[in-house]
């Protein structure tokens, strides 16, 4: 991946707060859910309920699809990221603490919310394998595919 593309990806991750994560349900249907995230380089982290369908789906099949974009009033200005990634709930307390610190830095308002019990949450790490960099300013449907 060239430096310009990586810089765009990292800036896009920094400038946005939500992503849609699609997992595969037991019945074979995809399930897309919007979550807030933080990143460390290209690694993405989010928190959800430990007993959520999203976590059960990931534990059954760790392949996920992610989109991170913003609203564009003019479709010719659409820019975003679409990723194929692997996902896994973190198990080690040190890894969980580090991911929660990333989220707390990105979302300082979380300090005002009472923290759930650690046994009630799952901290999920996503590692992109393929990133589609979407930039309609370069033409309708323009995408640059980046393999990690």
C-alpha atoms as a PDB file:
ATOM      1  CA  UNK A   1       0.000   0.000   0.000  1.00  0.00           C
ATOM      2  CA  UNK A   2       1.407   3.383  -0.918  1.00  0.00           C
ATOM      3  CA  UNK A   3       1.844   6.154   1.667  1.00  0.00           C
ATOM      4  CA  UNK A   4      -0.893   8.359   0.209  1.00  0.00           C
ATOM      5  CA  UNK A   5      -3.481   5.582   0.383  1.00  0.00           C
ATOM      6  CA  UNK A   6      -2.465   4.611   3.907  1.00  0.00           C
ATOM      7  CA  UNK A   7      -2.637   8.262   4.995  1.00  0.00           C
ATOM      8  CA  UNK A   8      -6.171   8.541   3.545  1.00  0.00           C
ATOM      9  CA  UNK A   9      -7.272   5.353   5.329  1.00  0.00           C
ATOM     10  CA  UNK A  10      -5.830   6.428   8.692  1.00  0.00           C
ATOM     11  CA  UNK A  11      -7.324   9.933   8.402  1.00  0.00           C
ATOM     12  CA  UNK A  12     -10.710   8.474   7.483  1.00  0.00           C
ATOM     13  CA  UNK A  13     -10.567   6.172  10.520  1.00  0.00           C
ATOM     14  CA  UNK A  14      -9.638   9.126  12.752  1.00  0.00           C
ATOM     15  CA  UNK A  15     -12.323  11.453  11.359  1.00  0.00           C
ATOM     16  CA  UNK A  16     -15.251   9.036  11.737  1.00  0.00           C
ATOM     17  CA  UNK A  17     -16.834   7.429  14.772  1.00  0.00           C
ATOM     18  CA  UNK A  18     -19.253   4.778  13.551  1.00  0.00           C
ATOM     19  CA  UNK A  19     -18.971   1.753  11.340  1.00  0.00           C
ATOM     20  CA  UNK A  20     -21.364  -0.866  10.101  1.00  0.00           C
ATOM     21  CA  UNK A  21     -20.202  -4.392  10.872  1.00  0.00           C
ATOM     22  CA  UNK A  22     -21.790  -7.250   8.947  1.00  0.00           C
ATOM     23  CA  UNK A  23     -21.568 -10.734  10.434  1.00  0.00           C
ATOM     24  CA  UNK A  24     -23.048 -14.014   9.294  1.00  0.00           C
ATOM     25  CA  UNK A  25     -26.012 -15.315  11.286  1.00  0.00           C
ATOM     26  CA  UNK A  26     -26.541 -19.001  12.036  1.00  0.00           C
ATOM     27  CA  UNK A  27     -29.363 -19.144   9.466  1.00  0.00           C
ATOM     28  CA  UNK A  28     -26.989 -17.890   6.746  1.00  0.00           C
ATOM     29  CA  UNK A  29     -28.338 -14.341   6.526  1.00  0.00           C
ATOM     30  CA  UNK A  30     -25.954 -11.426   7.004  1.00  0.00           C
ATOM     31  CA  UNK A  31     -26.555  -9.095   9.936  1.00  0.00           C
ATOM     32  CA  UNK A  32     -25.298  -5.517   9.793  1.00  0.00           C
ATOM     33  CA  UNK A  33     -24.990  -3.487  12.976  1.00  0.00           C
ATOM     34  CA  UNK A  34     -23.719   0.030  13.572  1.00  0.00           C
ATOM     35  CA  UNK A  35     -21.139   0.418  16.331  1.00  0.00           C
ATOM     36  CA  UNK A  36     -18.716   3.095  17.494  1.00  0.00           C
ATOM     37  CA  UNK A  37     -15.058   2.190  17.140  1.00  0.00           C
ATOM     38  CA  UNK A  38     -11.525   3.226  17.886  1.00  0.00           C
ATOM     39  CA  UNK A  39      -8.463   2.185  15.978  1.00  0.00           C
ATOM     40  CA  UNK A  40      -4.780   1.561  16.529  1.00  0.00           C
ATOM     41  CA  UNK A  41      -3.341   1.846  13.061  1.00  0.00           C
ATOM     42  CA  UNK A  42      -5.494  -0.390  10.900  1.00  0.00           C
ATOM     43  CA  UNK A  43      -6.755  -2.534  13.801  1.00  0.00           C
ATOM     44  CA  UNK A  44     -10.305  -1.587  14.824  1.00  0.00           C
ATOM     45  CA  UNK A  45     -11.973  -2.137  18.203  1.00  0.00           C
ATOM     46  CA  UNK A  46     -15.566  -1.971  19.388  1.00  0.00           C
ATOM     47  CA  UNK A  47     -17.491  -2.967  22.498  1.00  0.00           C
ATOM     48  CA  UNK A  48     -20.827  -4.712  22.630  1.00  0.00           C
ATOM     49  CA  UNK A  49     -22.898  -6.885  24.919  1.00  0.00           C
ATOM     50  CA  UNK A  50     -21.190 -10.212  25.612  1.00  0.00           C
ATOM     51  CA  UNK A  51     -24.407 -12.098  24.825  1.00  0.00           C
ATOM     52  CA  UNK A  52     -25.188 -10.218  21.602  1.00  0.00           C
ATOM     53  CA  UNK A  53     -25.978 -12.003  18.379  1.00  0.00           C
ATOM     54  CA  UNK A  54     -23.021 -10.148  16.858  1.00  0.00           C
ATOM     55  CA  UNK A  55     -20.593 -11.906  19.223  1.00  0.00           C
ATOM     56  CA  UNK A  56     -22.233 -15.301  18.672  1.00  0.00           C
ATOM     57  CA  UNK A  57     -21.955 -14.756  14.915  1.00  0.00           C
ATOM     58  CA  UNK A  58     -18.265 -13.817  15.182  1.00  0.00           C
ATOM     59  CA  UNK A  59     -17.494 -16.816  17.375  1.00  0.00           C
ATOM     60  CA  UNK A  60     -19.083 -19.066  14.743  1.00  0.00           C
ATOM     61  CA  UNK A  61     -17.496 -17.315  11.716  1.00  0.00           C
ATOM     62  CA  UNK A  62     -14.803 -14.693  12.210  1.00  0.00           C
ATOM     63  CA  UNK A  63     -15.108 -13.190   8.716  1.00  0.00           C
ATOM     64  CA  UNK A  64     -16.819  -9.796   8.756  1.00  0.00           C
ATOM     65  CA  UNK A  65     -17.432  -6.935   6.402  1.00  0.00           C
ATOM     66  CA  UNK A  66     -17.164  -3.303   7.527  1.00  0.00           C
ATOM     67  CA  UNK A  67     -18.080   0.053   6.046  1.00  0.00           C
ATOM     68  CA  UNK A  68     -17.016   3.439   7.348  1.00  0.00           C
ATOM     69  CA  UNK A  69     -18.378   6.453   5.551  1.00  0.00           C
ATOM     70  CA  UNK A  70     -20.221   9.702   6.025  1.00  0.00           C
ATOM     71  CA  UNK A  71     -23.247  11.266   4.443  1.00  0.00           C
ATOM     72  CA  UNK A  72     -22.605  13.082   1.184  1.00  0.00           C
ATOM     73  CA  UNK A  73     -25.228  15.468  -0.148  1.00  0.00           C
ATOM     74  CA  UNK A  74     -23.582  15.196  -3.565  1.00  0.00           C
ATOM     75  CA  UNK A  75     -23.087  11.560  -4.642  1.00  0.00           C
ATOM     76  CA  UNK A  76     -20.062  12.652  -6.686  1.00  0.00           C
ATOM     77  CA  UNK A  77     -18.292  13.383  -3.390  1.00  0.00           C
ATOM     78  CA  UNK A  78     -18.848  10.018  -1.716  1.00  0.00           C
ATOM     79  CA  UNK A  79     -15.720   8.774   0.051  1.00  0.00           C
ATOM     80  CA  UNK A  80     -15.358   5.866   2.405  1.00  0.00           C
ATOM     81  CA  UNK A  81     -13.895   2.532   3.300  1.00  0.00           C
ATOM     82  CA  UNK A  82     -15.210  -0.976   2.890  1.00  0.00           C
ATOM     83  CA  UNK A  83     -13.251  -3.804   4.475  1.00  0.00           C
ATOM     84  CA  UNK A  84     -13.094  -7.549   4.623  1.00  0.00           C
ATOM     85  CA  UNK A  85     -11.710  -8.360   8.053  1.00  0.00           C
ATOM     86  CA  UNK A  86     -11.317 -11.046  10.656  1.00  0.00           C
ATOM     87  CA  UNK A  87     -12.849 -10.454  14.066  1.00  0.00           C
ATOM     88  CA  UNK A  88     -12.254 -11.886  17.500  1.00  0.00           C
ATOM     89  CA  UNK A  89     -13.412 -11.026  20.989  1.00  0.00           C
ATOM     90  CA  UNK A  90     -10.382 -10.205  23.115  1.00  0.00           C
ATOM     91  CA  UNK A  91      -9.665 -12.525  26.051  1.00  0.00           C
ATOM     92  CA  UNK A  92      -6.528 -11.187  27.752  1.00  0.00           C
ATOM     93  CA  UNK A  93      -7.228  -8.482  30.379  1.00  0.00           C
ATOM     94  CA  UNK A  94      -4.251  -6.392  29.169  1.00  0.00           C
ATOM     95  CA  UNK A  95      -5.557  -6.438  25.573  1.00  0.00           C
ATOM     96  CA  UNK A  96      -9.063  -5.515  26.744  1.00  0.00           C
ATOM     97  CA  UNK A  97      -7.712  -2.664  28.891  1.00  0.00           C
ATOM     98  CA  UNK A  98      -5.646  -1.296  25.992  1.00  0.00           C
ATOM     99  CA  UNK A  99      -8.644  -1.366  23.633  1.00  0.00           C
ATOM    100  CA  UNK A 100     -10.864   0.319  26.233  1.00  0.00           C
ATOM    101  CA  UNK A 101      -8.210   3.044  26.622  1.00  0.00           C
ATOM    102  CA  UNK A 102      -8.307   3.668  22.863  1.00  0.00           C
ATOM    103  CA  UNK A 103     -12.093   3.980  23.014  1.00  0.00           C
ATOM    104  CA  UNK A 104     -11.924   6.279  26.061  1.00  0.00           C
ATOM    105  CA  UNK A 105      -9.451   8.583  24.268  1.00  0.00           C
ATOM    106  CA  UNK A 106     -11.667   8.784  21.199  1.00  0.00           C
ATOM    107  CA  UNK A 107     -14.867   9.161  23.229  1.00  0.00           C
ATOM    108  CA  UNK A 108     -14.064  11.129  26.408  1.00  0.00           C
ATOM    109  CA  UNK A 109     -17.798  11.385  27.147  1.00  0.00           C
ATOM    110  CA  UNK A 110     -17.697   7.689  28.077  1.00  0.00           C
ATOM    111  CA  UNK A 111     -16.092   8.731  31.371  1.00  0.00           C
ATOM    112  CA  UNK A 112     -19.500  10.054  32.474  1.00  0.00           C
ATOM    113  CA  UNK A 113     -21.229   6.714  31.854  1.00  0.00           C
ATOM    114  CA  UNK A 114     -21.148   4.027  34.486  1.00  0.00           C
ATOM    115  CA  UNK A 115     -19.048   1.174  33.216  1.00  0.00           C
ATOM    116  CA  UNK A 116     -20.717  -2.193  32.696  1.00  0.00           C
ATOM    117  CA  UNK A 117     -19.377  -5.205  34.511  1.00  0.00           C
ATOM    118  CA  UNK A 118     -16.448  -6.714  32.553  1.00  0.00           C
ATOM    119  CA  UNK A 119     -18.295 -10.047  32.318  1.00  0.00           C
ATOM    120  CA  UNK A 120     -21.172  -8.302  30.502  1.00  0.00           C
ATOM    121  CA  UNK A 121     -19.156  -6.871  27.612  1.00  0.00           C
ATOM    122  CA  UNK A 122     -17.147  -8.137  24.707  1.00  0.00           C
ATOM    123  CA  UNK A 123     -14.301  -6.091  23.270  1.00  0.00           C
ATOM    124  CA  UNK A 124     -13.898  -7.111  19.646  1.00  0.00           C
ATOM    125  CA  UNK A 125     -10.789  -6.592  17.527  1.00  0.00           C
ATOM    126  CA  UNK A 126     -11.008  -6.433  13.729  1.00  0.00           C
ATOM    127  CA  UNK A 127      -8.005  -6.932  11.486  1.00  0.00           C
ATOM    128  CA  UNK A 128      -8.590  -5.832   7.869  1.00  0.00           C
ATOM    129  CA  UNK A 129      -7.435  -8.198   5.140  1.00  0.00           C
ATOM    130  CA  UNK A 130      -8.729  -6.209   2.149  1.00  0.00           C
ATOM    131  CA  UNK A 131      -9.715  -2.534   2.122  1.00  0.00           C
ATOM    132  CA  UNK A 132     -11.687  -0.891  -0.653  1.00  0.00           C
ATOM    133  CA  UNK A 133     -10.962   2.826  -0.690  1.00  0.00           C
ATOM    134  CA  UNK A 134     -14.055   4.430  -2.192  1.00  0.00           C
ATOM    135  CA  UNK A 135     -13.707   7.853  -3.838  1.00  0.00           C
ATOM    136  CA  UNK A 136     -16.447   8.936  -6.231  1.00  0.00           C
ATOM    137  CA  UNK A 137     -14.584  12.211  -6.836  1.00  0.00           C
ATOM    138  CA  UNK A 138     -12.429  10.101  -9.184  1.00  0.00           C
ATOM    139  CA  UNK A 139     -15.519   8.828 -11.029  1.00  0.00           C
ATOM    140  CA  UNK A 140     -18.762   7.008 -10.314  1.00  0.00           C
ATOM    141  CA  UNK A 141     -18.079   3.909  -8.226  1.00  0.00           C
ATOM    142  CA  UNK A 142     -14.307   4.451  -8.153  1.00  0.00           C
ATOM    143  CA  UNK A 143     -12.627   2.039  -5.756  1.00  0.00           C
ATOM    144  CA  UNK A 144      -8.975   1.247  -5.086  1.00  0.00           C
ATOM    145  CA  UNK A 145      -8.480  -2.222  -3.662  1.00  0.00           C
ATOM    146  CA  UNK A 146      -5.758  -2.606  -1.026  1.00  0.00           C
ATOM    147  CA  UNK A 147      -4.663  -6.021   0.227  1.00  0.00           C
ATOM    148  CA  UNK A 148      -3.127  -6.050   3.678  1.00  0.00           C
END
